[in-house]
N, C-alpha and C. Protein backbone atom coordinates (compact mmCIF):
# COMPACT_ATOMS: atom_id res chain seq x y z
N MET A 1 -25.95 10.56 -8.06
CA MET A 1 -26.25 10.15 -6.66
C MET A 1 -25.73 8.87 -6.79
N PHE A 2 -25.12 8.65 -5.30
CA PHE A 2 -24.86 7.04 -5.12
C PHE A 2 -25.60 6.63 -4.15
N GLU A 3 -26.07 5.30 -4.21
CA GLU A 3 -26.90 4.63 -3.55
C GLU A 3 -26.39 4.25 -2.11
N SER A 4 -24.99 4.13 -1.96
CA SER A 4 -24.12 4.34 -0.77
C SER A 4 -22.86 4.48 -0.77
N LEU A 5 -22.45 5.25 0.06
CA LEU A 5 -21.20 6.12 -0.02
C LEU A 5 -20.48 6.04 1.55
N THR A 6 -19.21 5.66 1.53
CA THR A 6 -18.50 5.43 2.79
C THR A 6 -17.63 6.81 2.68
N GLY A 7 -17.70 7.46 3.99
CA GLY A 7 -16.72 8.70 4.13
C GLY A 7 -16.18 8.89 5.56
N ILE A 8 -15.02 9.39 5.53
CA ILE A 8 -14.25 9.62 6.79
C ILE A 8 -14.61 11.19 7.01
N VAL A 9 -15.04 11.30 8.23
CA VAL A 9 -15.22 12.91 8.68
C VAL A 9 -14.02 13.47 9.07
N LEU A 10 -13.52 14.23 8.09
CA LEU A 10 -12.09 15.13 8.32
C LEU A 10 -12.62 16.22 9.35
N ARG A 11 -13.52 16.96 9.09
CA ARG A 11 -13.67 18.16 10.14
C ARG A 11 -15.18 18.49 9.98
N THR A 12 -15.61 18.80 11.09
CA THR A 12 -17.00 19.55 11.37
C THR A 12 -17.30 20.93 11.39
N PHE A 13 -18.19 21.62 11.03
CA PHE A 13 -18.51 22.94 10.99
C PHE A 13 -19.88 23.11 11.54
N ASN A 14 -20.38 24.23 11.69
CA ASN A 14 -21.66 24.61 12.19
C ASN A 14 -22.58 24.49 11.15
N HIS A 15 -23.87 24.51 11.63
CA HIS A 15 -25.02 24.24 10.88
C HIS A 15 -25.08 22.94 9.82
N GLY A 16 -24.55 21.82 10.52
CA GLY A 16 -24.39 20.63 9.81
C GLY A 16 -23.60 20.21 8.79
N ARG A 17 -22.65 21.31 8.64
CA ARG A 17 -21.76 21.25 7.42
C ARG A 17 -20.43 20.34 7.98
N LEU A 18 -20.13 19.57 6.86
CA LEU A 18 -19.06 18.60 7.03
C LEU A 18 -17.83 18.78 5.98
N CYS A 19 -16.85 18.24 6.13
CA CYS A 19 -15.95 17.88 5.05
C CYS A 19 -15.54 16.36 5.63
N ILE A 20 -15.55 15.53 4.55
CA ILE A 20 -15.47 13.95 4.42
C ILE A 20 -14.71 13.69 3.25
N PHE A 21 -13.92 12.65 3.49
CA PHE A 21 -12.97 11.99 2.57
C PHE A 21 -13.66 10.70 2.03
N THR A 22 -13.95 10.40 0.80
CA THR A 22 -14.39 9.44 0.11
C THR A 22 -13.49 8.86 -0.72
N ARG A 23 -13.89 7.44 -1.16
CA ARG A 23 -12.66 6.97 -2.09
C ARG A 23 -13.30 7.35 -3.59
N PRO A 24 -14.56 7.48 -4.08
CA PRO A 24 -14.91 7.99 -5.68
C PRO A 24 -14.66 9.32 -5.88
N LEU A 25 -14.79 10.39 -4.72
CA LEU A 25 -14.82 11.70 -4.98
C LEU A 25 -13.49 12.44 -4.17
N GLY A 26 -12.76 11.78 -3.42
CA GLY A 26 -11.87 12.26 -2.73
C GLY A 26 -12.43 13.19 -1.68
N LYS A 27 -11.99 14.44 -1.29
CA LYS A 27 -12.21 15.46 -0.17
C LYS A 27 -13.54 16.22 -0.89
N ILE A 28 -14.79 16.32 -0.12
CA ILE A 28 -15.80 17.03 -0.38
C ILE A 28 -16.47 17.65 0.61
N PHE A 29 -16.85 18.92 0.43
CA PHE A 29 -17.64 19.60 1.61
C PHE A 29 -19.05 19.39 1.51
N CYS A 30 -19.84 18.85 2.50
CA CYS A 30 -21.29 18.70 2.42
C CYS A 30 -21.94 19.06 3.48
N THR A 31 -23.34 18.94 3.59
CA THR A 31 -24.10 19.53 4.59
C THR A 31 -25.28 18.06 4.44
N SER A 32 -25.75 18.29 5.75
CA SER A 32 -26.86 17.33 6.30
C SER A 32 -28.21 17.98 6.97
N LYS A 33 -29.02 17.70 6.49
CA LYS A 33 -30.30 18.15 7.60
C LYS A 33 -30.80 17.01 8.44
N GLU A 34 -30.24 15.90 8.31
CA GLU A 34 -30.88 14.73 9.10
C GLU A 34 -29.81 14.66 10.52
N LEU A 35 -28.83 15.32 10.40
CA LEU A 35 -28.04 14.81 11.92
C LEU A 35 -28.76 15.88 13.04
N LYS A 36 -28.99 14.98 13.76
CA LYS A 36 -29.52 15.63 15.34
C LYS A 36 -28.56 15.72 16.11
N THR A 37 -27.31 15.02 16.29
CA THR A 37 -26.22 15.32 17.14
C THR A 37 -24.85 15.24 16.12
N PRO A 38 -23.92 16.26 16.33
CA PRO A 38 -22.92 16.38 15.71
C PRO A 38 -22.00 14.92 15.65
N LEU A 39 -21.61 14.58 14.45
CA LEU A 39 -20.22 13.80 14.08
C LEU A 39 -18.88 14.13 14.61
N SER A 40 -18.45 13.14 15.19
CA SER A 40 -16.93 13.48 15.77
C SER A 40 -15.89 13.25 14.38
N PRO A 41 -15.12 14.24 14.39
CA PRO A 41 -13.94 13.95 13.35
C PRO A 41 -13.62 12.52 13.49
N GLY A 42 -13.07 11.91 12.44
CA GLY A 42 -12.63 10.56 12.45
C GLY A 42 -13.80 9.56 12.36
N SER A 43 -15.12 9.95 12.48
CA SER A 43 -16.02 9.01 12.53
C SER A 43 -16.22 8.48 10.88
N ILE A 44 -16.38 7.21 10.83
CA ILE A 44 -16.88 6.70 9.53
C ILE A 44 -18.43 6.62 9.25
N ILE A 45 -18.73 7.11 8.24
CA ILE A 45 -20.18 7.32 8.00
C ILE A 45 -20.27 6.44 6.63
N VAL A 46 -21.48 5.72 6.47
CA VAL A 46 -22.06 5.33 5.28
C VAL A 46 -23.44 5.94 5.28
N THR A 47 -23.43 6.58 3.93
CA THR A 47 -24.65 7.38 3.78
C THR A 47 -24.88 7.59 2.22
N ARG A 48 -26.04 8.13 1.84
CA ARG A 48 -26.53 8.35 0.41
C ARG A 48 -26.14 9.70 0.08
N LEU A 49 -25.45 10.05 -1.00
CA LEU A 49 -25.16 11.43 -1.31
C LEU A 49 -25.85 12.04 -2.60
N ILE A 50 -26.06 13.10 -2.50
CA ILE A 50 -26.78 13.90 -3.48
C ILE A 50 -26.35 15.07 -3.65
N LYS A 51 -26.01 15.22 -5.19
CA LYS A 51 -25.12 16.49 -5.65
C LYS A 51 -26.27 17.60 -5.40
N LYS A 52 -25.84 18.67 -4.67
CA LYS A 52 -26.88 19.60 -4.48
C LYS A 52 -27.02 20.72 -5.67
N ASN A 53 -25.56 21.33 -5.71
CA ASN A 53 -25.12 22.20 -6.70
C ASN A 53 -23.81 22.40 -6.85
N VAL A 54 -23.31 23.36 -7.39
CA VAL A 54 -21.78 23.20 -8.23
C VAL A 54 -21.04 22.96 -7.14
N GLU A 55 -21.22 23.59 -5.86
CA GLU A 55 -20.14 23.61 -4.91
C GLU A 55 -20.37 22.77 -3.52
N THR A 56 -21.79 22.42 -3.22
CA THR A 56 -21.96 21.50 -2.19
C THR A 56 -22.71 20.44 -2.49
N PHE A 57 -22.52 19.34 -1.54
CA PHE A 57 -23.20 18.09 -1.60
C PHE A 57 -24.15 18.12 -0.35
N GLN A 58 -25.06 17.26 -0.57
CA GLN A 58 -25.98 16.98 0.65
C GLN A 58 -26.02 15.49 0.83
N VAL A 59 -25.82 15.16 2.33
CA VAL A 59 -25.80 13.92 2.65
C VAL A 59 -26.90 13.56 3.48
N ASP A 60 -27.60 12.36 3.01
CA ASP A 60 -28.67 12.00 3.81
C ASP A 60 -28.94 10.41 4.02
N ASN A 61 -30.09 10.02 4.74
CA ASN A 61 -30.20 8.64 4.59
C ASN A 61 -28.85 7.90 5.26
N PHE A 62 -28.64 8.17 6.68
CA PHE A 62 -27.13 7.48 7.00
C PHE A 62 -27.82 6.02 7.61
N GLN A 63 -27.03 5.27 6.86
CA GLN A 63 -27.15 3.87 6.92
C GLN A 63 -26.05 3.49 8.37
N ASP A 64 -24.91 3.91 8.32
CA ASP A 64 -24.21 3.45 9.63
C ASP A 64 -23.15 4.62 9.82
N ILE A 65 -22.92 4.78 11.15
CA ILE A 65 -22.27 5.78 11.61
C ILE A 65 -21.06 5.03 12.74
N SER A 66 -19.89 4.92 12.52
CA SER A 66 -19.03 4.44 13.40
C SER A 66 -17.84 5.44 14.04
N TYR A 67 -18.13 5.60 15.39
CA TYR A 67 -17.41 6.68 16.24
C TYR A 67 -15.96 6.11 16.32
N PRO A 68 -15.04 6.97 16.38
CA PRO A 68 -13.67 6.46 16.74
C PRO A 68 -13.60 6.11 18.15
N ASP A 69 -12.78 5.03 18.25
CA ASP A 69 -12.62 4.34 19.82
C ASP A 69 -11.28 4.93 20.26
N ILE A 70 -11.23 5.78 21.11
CA ILE A 70 -10.22 6.62 21.47
C ILE A 70 -9.89 6.21 22.76
N GLN A 71 -8.84 5.65 23.22
CA GLN A 71 -8.28 5.19 24.43
C GLN A 71 -7.50 5.86 25.47
N SER A 72 -6.84 7.13 24.74
CA SER A 72 -5.71 8.15 25.46
C SER A 72 -5.52 9.02 24.55
N PRO A 73 -5.06 10.32 25.54
CA PRO A 73 -4.59 11.44 24.74
C PRO A 73 -3.83 11.32 23.50
N ARG A 74 -3.08 10.46 23.67
CA ARG A 74 -1.99 10.37 22.36
C ARG A 74 -2.82 9.87 21.18
N GLU A 75 -3.60 8.79 21.55
CA GLU A 75 -4.34 8.40 20.28
C GLU A 75 -5.14 9.29 19.74
N LEU A 76 -5.82 10.04 20.61
CA LEU A 76 -6.58 11.29 20.08
C LEU A 76 -5.65 12.49 19.31
N ALA A 77 -4.39 12.77 19.71
CA ALA A 77 -3.78 13.70 19.03
C ALA A 77 -3.32 12.88 17.54
N TRP A 78 -3.15 11.64 17.79
CA TRP A 78 -2.60 10.94 16.39
C TRP A 78 -3.72 10.95 15.71
N LEU A 79 -4.87 10.70 15.76
CA LEU A 79 -6.12 10.56 14.90
C LEU A 79 -6.25 12.19 14.37
N HIS A 80 -6.24 13.22 15.09
CA HIS A 80 -6.42 14.42 14.53
C HIS A 80 -5.05 14.79 13.60
N HIS A 81 -4.15 14.44 13.79
CA HIS A 81 -2.88 14.58 13.06
C HIS A 81 -3.20 14.07 11.64
N ILE A 82 -3.66 12.77 11.59
CA ILE A 82 -3.87 11.98 10.41
C ILE A 82 -4.94 13.04 9.50
N LEU A 83 -6.06 13.18 10.31
CA LEU A 83 -7.41 13.94 9.68
C LEU A 83 -6.91 15.48 9.31
N GLU A 84 -5.99 16.03 10.01
CA GLU A 84 -5.57 17.33 9.71
C GLU A 84 -4.69 17.10 8.25
N LEU A 85 -3.69 16.22 8.06
CA LEU A 85 -3.12 15.98 7.00
C LEU A 85 -3.86 15.80 5.77
N TYR A 86 -5.06 14.92 5.85
CA TYR A 86 -6.05 14.65 4.99
C TYR A 86 -6.54 15.89 4.51
N TYR A 87 -6.98 16.80 5.44
CA TYR A 87 -7.91 17.94 5.37
C TYR A 87 -7.03 19.08 4.56
N PHE A 88 -5.76 19.21 4.92
CA PHE A 88 -5.16 20.28 4.39
C PHE A 88 -4.44 19.88 2.89
N PHE A 89 -4.20 18.50 2.87
CA PHE A 89 -3.31 18.22 1.53
C PHE A 89 -4.08 17.66 0.50
N MET A 90 -5.24 16.99 0.82
CA MET A 90 -5.91 16.43 -0.34
C MET A 90 -7.00 17.54 -0.91
N SER A 91 -6.89 17.44 -2.39
CA SER A 91 -7.50 18.47 -3.19
C SER A 91 -8.98 17.89 -3.22
N GLU A 92 -9.90 19.00 -3.54
CA GLU A 92 -11.35 18.98 -3.36
C GLU A 92 -11.56 18.29 -4.59
N GLU A 93 -12.57 17.25 -4.34
CA GLU A 93 -13.29 16.41 -5.35
C GLU A 93 -12.16 15.90 -6.52
N GLN A 94 -11.05 15.36 -5.81
CA GLN A 94 -10.09 14.51 -6.74
C GLN A 94 -10.15 13.13 -6.24
N PRO A 95 -10.86 12.14 -7.08
CA PRO A 95 -10.52 10.65 -6.27
C PRO A 95 -9.43 10.31 -6.10
N SER A 96 -9.07 9.64 -4.97
CA SER A 96 -8.07 9.24 -4.38
C SER A 96 -8.43 7.67 -3.64
N PRO A 97 -8.30 6.85 -4.32
CA PRO A 97 -8.51 5.47 -3.93
C PRO A 97 -7.56 5.06 -2.88
N LEU A 98 -6.52 5.20 -3.31
CA LEU A 98 -5.01 4.72 -2.67
C LEU A 98 -5.09 5.34 -0.99
N ASP A 99 -5.44 6.66 -1.24
CA ASP A 99 -5.14 7.61 0.05
C ASP A 99 -6.48 7.06 1.07
N PHE A 100 -7.64 6.89 0.49
CA PHE A 100 -8.52 6.35 1.27
C PHE A 100 -8.32 4.84 1.92
N ASP A 101 -7.75 3.97 1.03
CA ASP A 101 -7.43 2.79 1.73
C ASP A 101 -6.11 2.74 2.70
N PHE A 102 -5.26 3.72 2.61
CA PHE A 102 -4.25 3.87 3.69
C PHE A 102 -4.63 4.58 4.58
N PHE A 103 -5.78 5.16 4.63
CA PHE A 103 -6.39 6.08 5.86
C PHE A 103 -6.62 4.98 7.05
N GLU A 104 -7.05 3.98 6.98
CA GLU A 104 -7.07 2.80 7.99
C GLU A 104 -5.70 2.39 8.63
N GLN A 105 -4.72 2.02 7.52
CA GLN A 105 -3.32 1.68 8.10
C GLN A 105 -2.98 2.90 8.79
N TYR A 106 -3.07 4.03 8.40
CA TYR A 106 -2.48 5.20 9.39
C TYR A 106 -2.96 5.21 10.67
N ARG A 107 -4.48 5.47 10.53
CA ARG A 107 -5.09 5.65 11.78
C ARG A 107 -4.84 4.51 13.05
N THR A 108 -4.98 3.40 12.53
CA THR A 108 -4.87 2.19 13.62
C THR A 108 -3.38 1.90 14.17
N LEU A 109 -2.53 2.94 13.71
CA LEU A 109 -1.07 2.72 14.35
C LEU A 109 -1.08 3.12 15.55
N SER A 110 -2.03 3.93 16.13
CA SER A 110 -2.10 4.54 17.76
C SER A 110 -2.46 3.17 18.39
N ASN A 111 -2.82 2.05 18.07
CA ASN A 111 -3.47 1.18 18.68
C ASN A 111 -2.20 -0.02 18.56
N VAL A 112 -1.09 0.06 17.94
CA VAL A 112 -0.33 -1.20 17.75
C VAL A 112 0.18 -1.27 19.21
N PRO A 113 0.32 -2.88 19.89
CA PRO A 113 0.65 -2.89 20.96
C PRO A 113 2.21 -3.29 20.82
N ALA A 114 2.82 -1.98 21.13
CA ALA A 114 4.22 -2.19 21.10
C ALA A 114 4.88 -1.02 22.04
N GLU A 115 6.06 -1.15 22.01
CA GLU A 115 6.72 0.02 22.89
C GLU A 115 6.57 1.28 22.35
N THR A 116 6.46 2.35 23.29
CA THR A 116 6.27 3.72 22.83
C THR A 116 7.28 4.15 21.65
N SER A 117 8.36 3.94 21.88
CA SER A 117 9.56 4.21 20.62
C SER A 117 9.28 3.70 19.53
N ARG A 118 8.98 2.44 19.42
CA ARG A 118 8.62 2.00 18.16
C ARG A 118 7.24 2.25 17.76
N MET A 119 6.45 2.63 18.52
CA MET A 119 4.97 3.02 18.01
C MET A 119 5.45 4.28 17.38
N THR A 120 6.31 5.52 17.91
CA THR A 120 6.56 6.64 17.37
C THR A 120 7.12 6.57 16.20
N HIS A 121 8.11 5.52 15.84
CA HIS A 121 8.71 5.36 14.42
C HIS A 121 7.81 4.92 13.43
N LEU A 122 6.56 4.03 13.93
CA LEU A 122 5.94 3.75 13.00
C LEU A 122 4.99 4.69 12.52
N GLN A 123 4.74 5.76 13.54
CA GLN A 123 3.98 6.77 13.14
C GLN A 123 4.47 7.81 12.20
N GLU A 124 5.80 7.98 12.39
CA GLU A 124 6.75 9.11 11.66
C GLU A 124 6.74 8.48 10.26
N LEU A 125 7.05 6.88 10.03
CA LEU A 125 6.98 6.37 8.83
C LEU A 125 5.65 6.47 7.88
N ALA A 126 4.38 6.49 8.76
CA ALA A 126 3.40 6.88 8.39
C ALA A 126 3.14 8.15 7.74
N VAL A 127 3.57 8.93 8.31
CA VAL A 127 3.75 10.44 8.21
C VAL A 127 4.27 10.66 6.64
N SER A 128 5.40 10.13 6.65
CA SER A 128 6.28 10.04 5.66
C SER A 128 5.72 9.56 4.25
N HIS A 129 5.23 8.48 4.50
CA HIS A 129 4.66 7.93 3.59
C HIS A 129 3.41 8.57 2.86
N PHE A 130 2.80 9.30 3.87
CA PHE A 130 1.49 10.16 3.32
C PHE A 130 1.92 11.14 2.58
N LEU A 131 3.01 11.84 2.86
CA LEU A 131 3.64 13.02 2.32
C LEU A 131 4.22 12.63 0.90
N ALA A 132 4.78 11.43 0.87
CA ALA A 132 5.57 11.17 -0.37
C ALA A 132 4.29 10.71 -1.13
N GLN A 133 3.01 10.07 -0.88
CA GLN A 133 2.03 9.64 -1.65
C GLN A 133 1.17 11.00 -2.29
N THR A 134 1.37 12.29 -1.67
CA THR A 134 0.89 13.47 -2.16
C THR A 134 1.61 13.78 -3.41
N GLY A 135 2.75 13.61 -3.64
CA GLY A 135 3.40 13.78 -4.76
C GLY A 135 4.22 15.47 -4.85
N PHE A 136 3.79 15.79 -3.53
CA PHE A 136 4.47 17.48 -3.47
C PHE A 136 5.89 17.51 -3.19
N TYR A 137 6.30 16.24 -2.72
CA TYR A 137 7.70 16.42 -2.45
C TYR A 137 8.75 15.32 -2.86
N GLU A 138 9.81 15.82 -3.36
CA GLU A 138 10.61 14.90 -4.16
C GLU A 138 12.14 14.43 -3.22
N GLN A 139 12.07 14.76 -2.19
CA GLN A 139 13.43 14.43 -1.31
C GLN A 139 13.35 12.86 -1.37
N PRO A 140 14.71 12.38 -1.71
CA PRO A 140 14.71 11.00 -1.66
C PRO A 140 14.26 10.33 -0.45
N ALA A 141 15.16 10.94 0.74
CA ALA A 141 14.86 10.22 2.02
C ALA A 141 13.50 10.00 2.32
N LEU A 142 12.51 11.07 2.08
CA LEU A 142 11.17 10.79 2.26
C LEU A 142 10.79 9.64 1.53
N HIS A 143 10.93 9.49 0.44
CA HIS A 143 10.63 8.41 -0.45
C HIS A 143 11.02 6.97 0.27
N ARG A 144 12.55 6.95 0.54
CA ARG A 144 13.06 5.90 1.21
C ARG A 144 12.15 5.42 2.50
N TYR A 145 11.95 6.38 3.24
CA TYR A 145 10.86 6.17 4.38
C TYR A 145 9.51 5.74 4.11
N ALA A 146 9.19 5.99 2.95
CA ALA A 146 7.63 5.84 2.66
C ALA A 146 7.72 4.21 2.25
N ARG A 147 8.78 3.82 1.55
CA ARG A 147 8.95 2.32 1.31
C ARG A 147 9.14 1.67 2.29
N LEU A 148 9.75 2.09 3.39
CA LEU A 148 9.87 1.27 4.74
C LEU A 148 8.61 1.11 5.15
N PHE A 149 7.45 2.07 5.18
CA PHE A 149 6.28 2.05 5.82
C PHE A 149 5.57 0.84 5.12
N GLU A 150 5.61 0.84 3.66
CA GLU A 150 4.95 -0.06 3.07
C GLU A 150 5.38 -1.76 3.39
N LYS A 151 6.78 -1.69 3.55
CA LYS A 151 7.32 -3.04 4.15
C LYS A 151 6.74 -3.40 5.78
N VAL A 152 6.58 -2.33 6.24
CA VAL A 152 5.99 -2.62 7.74
C VAL A 152 4.32 -2.98 7.62
N ILE A 153 3.58 -2.51 6.71
CA ILE A 153 2.50 -2.88 6.62
C ILE A 153 1.99 -4.21 5.75
N ASP A 154 2.95 -4.63 5.17
CA ASP A 154 2.89 -5.92 4.34
C ASP A 154 3.03 -7.12 5.08
N PRO A 155 1.89 -7.91 5.19
CA PRO A 155 1.88 -8.95 5.95
C PRO A 155 2.75 -9.90 5.86
N SER A 156 3.29 -10.15 4.58
CA SER A 156 4.00 -11.32 3.95
C SER A 156 5.60 -11.12 4.57
N ILE A 157 5.89 -9.90 5.27
CA ILE A 157 7.07 -9.59 5.48
C ILE A 157 7.37 -9.21 6.84
N GLU A 158 6.35 -9.71 7.78
CA GLU A 158 6.16 -9.02 9.23
C GLU A 158 7.35 -9.22 9.93
N HIS A 159 7.98 -9.97 9.65
CA HIS A 159 9.24 -10.27 10.50
C HIS A 159 10.50 -9.41 10.41
N LYS A 160 10.30 -8.61 9.07
CA LYS A 160 11.14 -7.61 8.92
C LYS A 160 11.04 -6.19 9.68
N VAL A 161 9.57 -5.86 10.34
CA VAL A 161 9.41 -4.86 10.85
C VAL A 161 10.22 -4.22 11.96
N ARG A 162 10.54 -5.09 13.00
CA ARG A 162 11.58 -4.34 13.90
C ARG A 162 12.82 -3.92 13.25
N SER A 163 13.27 -4.70 12.50
CA SER A 163 14.72 -4.23 11.66
C SER A 163 14.39 -2.85 10.99
N CYS A 164 13.41 -3.06 10.04
CA CYS A 164 13.05 -1.60 9.32
C CYS A 164 12.85 -0.35 10.23
N VAL A 165 12.28 -0.52 11.48
CA VAL A 165 12.08 0.50 12.08
C VAL A 165 13.31 1.07 13.04
N ILE A 166 13.97 0.21 13.49
CA ILE A 166 15.11 0.38 14.12
C ILE A 166 16.16 1.29 13.41
N SER A 167 16.10 0.93 12.02
CA SER A 167 17.23 1.18 11.07
C SER A 167 16.97 2.88 10.80
N CYS A 168 15.71 3.18 11.13
CA CYS A 168 15.50 4.87 10.96
C CYS A 168 16.00 5.73 11.99
N ASP A 169 16.46 6.95 11.79
CA ASP A 169 17.03 7.81 12.54
C ASP A 169 16.12 8.61 13.05
N GLU A 170 15.71 8.69 14.28
CA GLU A 170 14.30 9.49 14.94
C GLU A 170 14.34 11.17 14.67
N VAL A 171 15.83 11.62 14.88
CA VAL A 171 15.60 13.00 14.68
C VAL A 171 15.70 13.38 13.29
N SER A 172 16.30 12.53 12.19
CA SER A 172 16.50 13.13 10.96
C SER A 172 14.95 12.77 10.28
N ILE A 173 14.20 11.80 10.70
CA ILE A 173 12.63 11.77 10.09
C ILE A 173 11.95 12.69 10.67
N GLN A 174 12.01 13.21 11.95
CA GLN A 174 11.09 14.42 12.36
C GLN A 174 11.50 15.65 11.71
N ASP A 175 12.83 15.83 11.66
CA ASP A 175 13.17 17.02 10.82
C ASP A 175 12.70 17.29 9.58
N LEU A 176 12.79 15.88 8.91
CA LEU A 176 12.39 15.88 7.40
C LEU A 176 10.84 16.17 7.33
N ILE A 177 10.16 15.58 8.15
CA ILE A 177 8.66 15.83 8.05
C ILE A 177 8.48 17.15 8.52
N LEU A 178 8.95 17.96 9.35
CA LEU A 178 8.52 19.15 9.68
C LEU A 178 9.03 20.28 8.62
N ARG A 179 9.99 19.66 7.87
CA ARG A 179 10.40 20.77 6.87
C ARG A 179 9.48 20.59 5.85
N CYS A 180 8.98 19.36 5.55
CA CYS A 180 7.88 19.29 4.40
C CYS A 180 6.62 19.87 4.85
N LEU A 181 6.38 19.83 6.12
CA LEU A 181 4.95 20.25 6.50
C LEU A 181 5.09 21.98 6.45
N GLN A 182 6.19 22.37 6.82
CA GLN A 182 6.36 23.85 6.85
C GLN A 182 6.34 24.52 5.40
N GLU A 183 6.41 23.73 4.33
CA GLU A 183 6.25 24.18 2.96
C GLU A 183 4.95 24.24 2.40
N HIS A 184 3.88 23.62 3.36
CA HIS A 184 2.41 23.84 2.98
C HIS A 184 2.09 25.41 3.29
N PRO A 185 1.23 25.81 2.32
CA PRO A 185 1.23 27.26 2.42
C PRO A 185 0.08 27.73 3.55
N GLN A 186 -0.59 26.48 4.23
CA GLN A 186 -1.45 26.79 5.36
C GLN A 186 -0.70 26.25 6.62
N PHE A 187 0.33 26.03 6.87
CA PHE A 187 0.95 25.30 7.80
C PHE A 187 0.65 26.05 9.11
N HIS A 188 0.65 27.54 9.08
CA HIS A 188 0.07 28.06 10.27
C HIS A 188 -1.28 27.91 10.97
N ARG A 189 -2.02 27.09 10.17
CA ARG A 189 -3.24 26.46 10.66
C ARG A 189 -3.03 25.20 11.23
N PHE A 190 -2.10 24.61 10.91
CA PHE A 190 -2.05 23.19 11.46
C PHE A 190 -2.04 23.19 12.99
N ARG A 191 -2.55 22.29 13.86
CA ARG A 191 -2.99 22.61 15.29
C ARG A 191 -2.26 21.17 15.90
N THR A 192 -1.76 20.34 15.30
CA THR A 192 -1.47 19.04 15.95
C THR A 192 0.23 18.89 16.07
N ILE A 193 0.83 20.01 15.24
CA ILE A 193 2.28 19.73 15.16
C ILE A 193 2.94 19.70 16.70
N PRO A 194 2.53 20.66 17.53
CA PRO A 194 3.41 20.83 18.75
C PRO A 194 3.27 19.83 19.62
N PHE A 195 2.23 19.12 19.61
CA PHE A 195 1.96 18.01 20.33
C PHE A 195 2.80 16.76 19.99
N LEU A 196 2.69 16.63 18.60
CA LEU A 196 3.40 15.35 18.21
C LEU A 196 4.96 15.46 17.83
N TYR A 197 5.18 16.71 17.63
CA TYR A 197 6.78 16.90 17.37
C TYR A 197 7.52 17.82 18.04
N GLY A 198 6.79 18.39 19.16
CA GLY A 198 7.60 19.18 20.08
C GLY A 198 7.99 20.33 19.79
């Protein structure tokens, strides 16, 4: 049992069932008897977690719930794309502190005050970084884009952001991402691909 646990709501189901992503436990499925209103995917919750049985966790005593602040349809699509990637790529009950920390970096890219074309590049770099972090893909180009993303979010080299982004080839990075995603055995269940990658 944890005294306090922070989780990102990846997906909601009927009857108070949730899939959340946490730093110490990774992706877990859980239920809550306390929820009076459904949580939104992308919400950040702080709660107490109790192991109920071999397969299910019980969450209760919600200390804080932070709902996503969505300003546009594109922001909503981007958030759901990141949640979808975490839901399908992260293994159950595998601690993944780095992926937990990077979630906020990925999610807030939709709020970057920049030109649309640059923002798109940043989002594609973020997806490349996520896919490289999973360890499933060995394409050298993917890892080059992942390193560019780390430069983008490194505050000590902020002046290099624009040159890093402009150096990317938008078509090739999109093709690379789609090829990687299509290798996932449940790619047919992804719902955000058409909106973001046309």
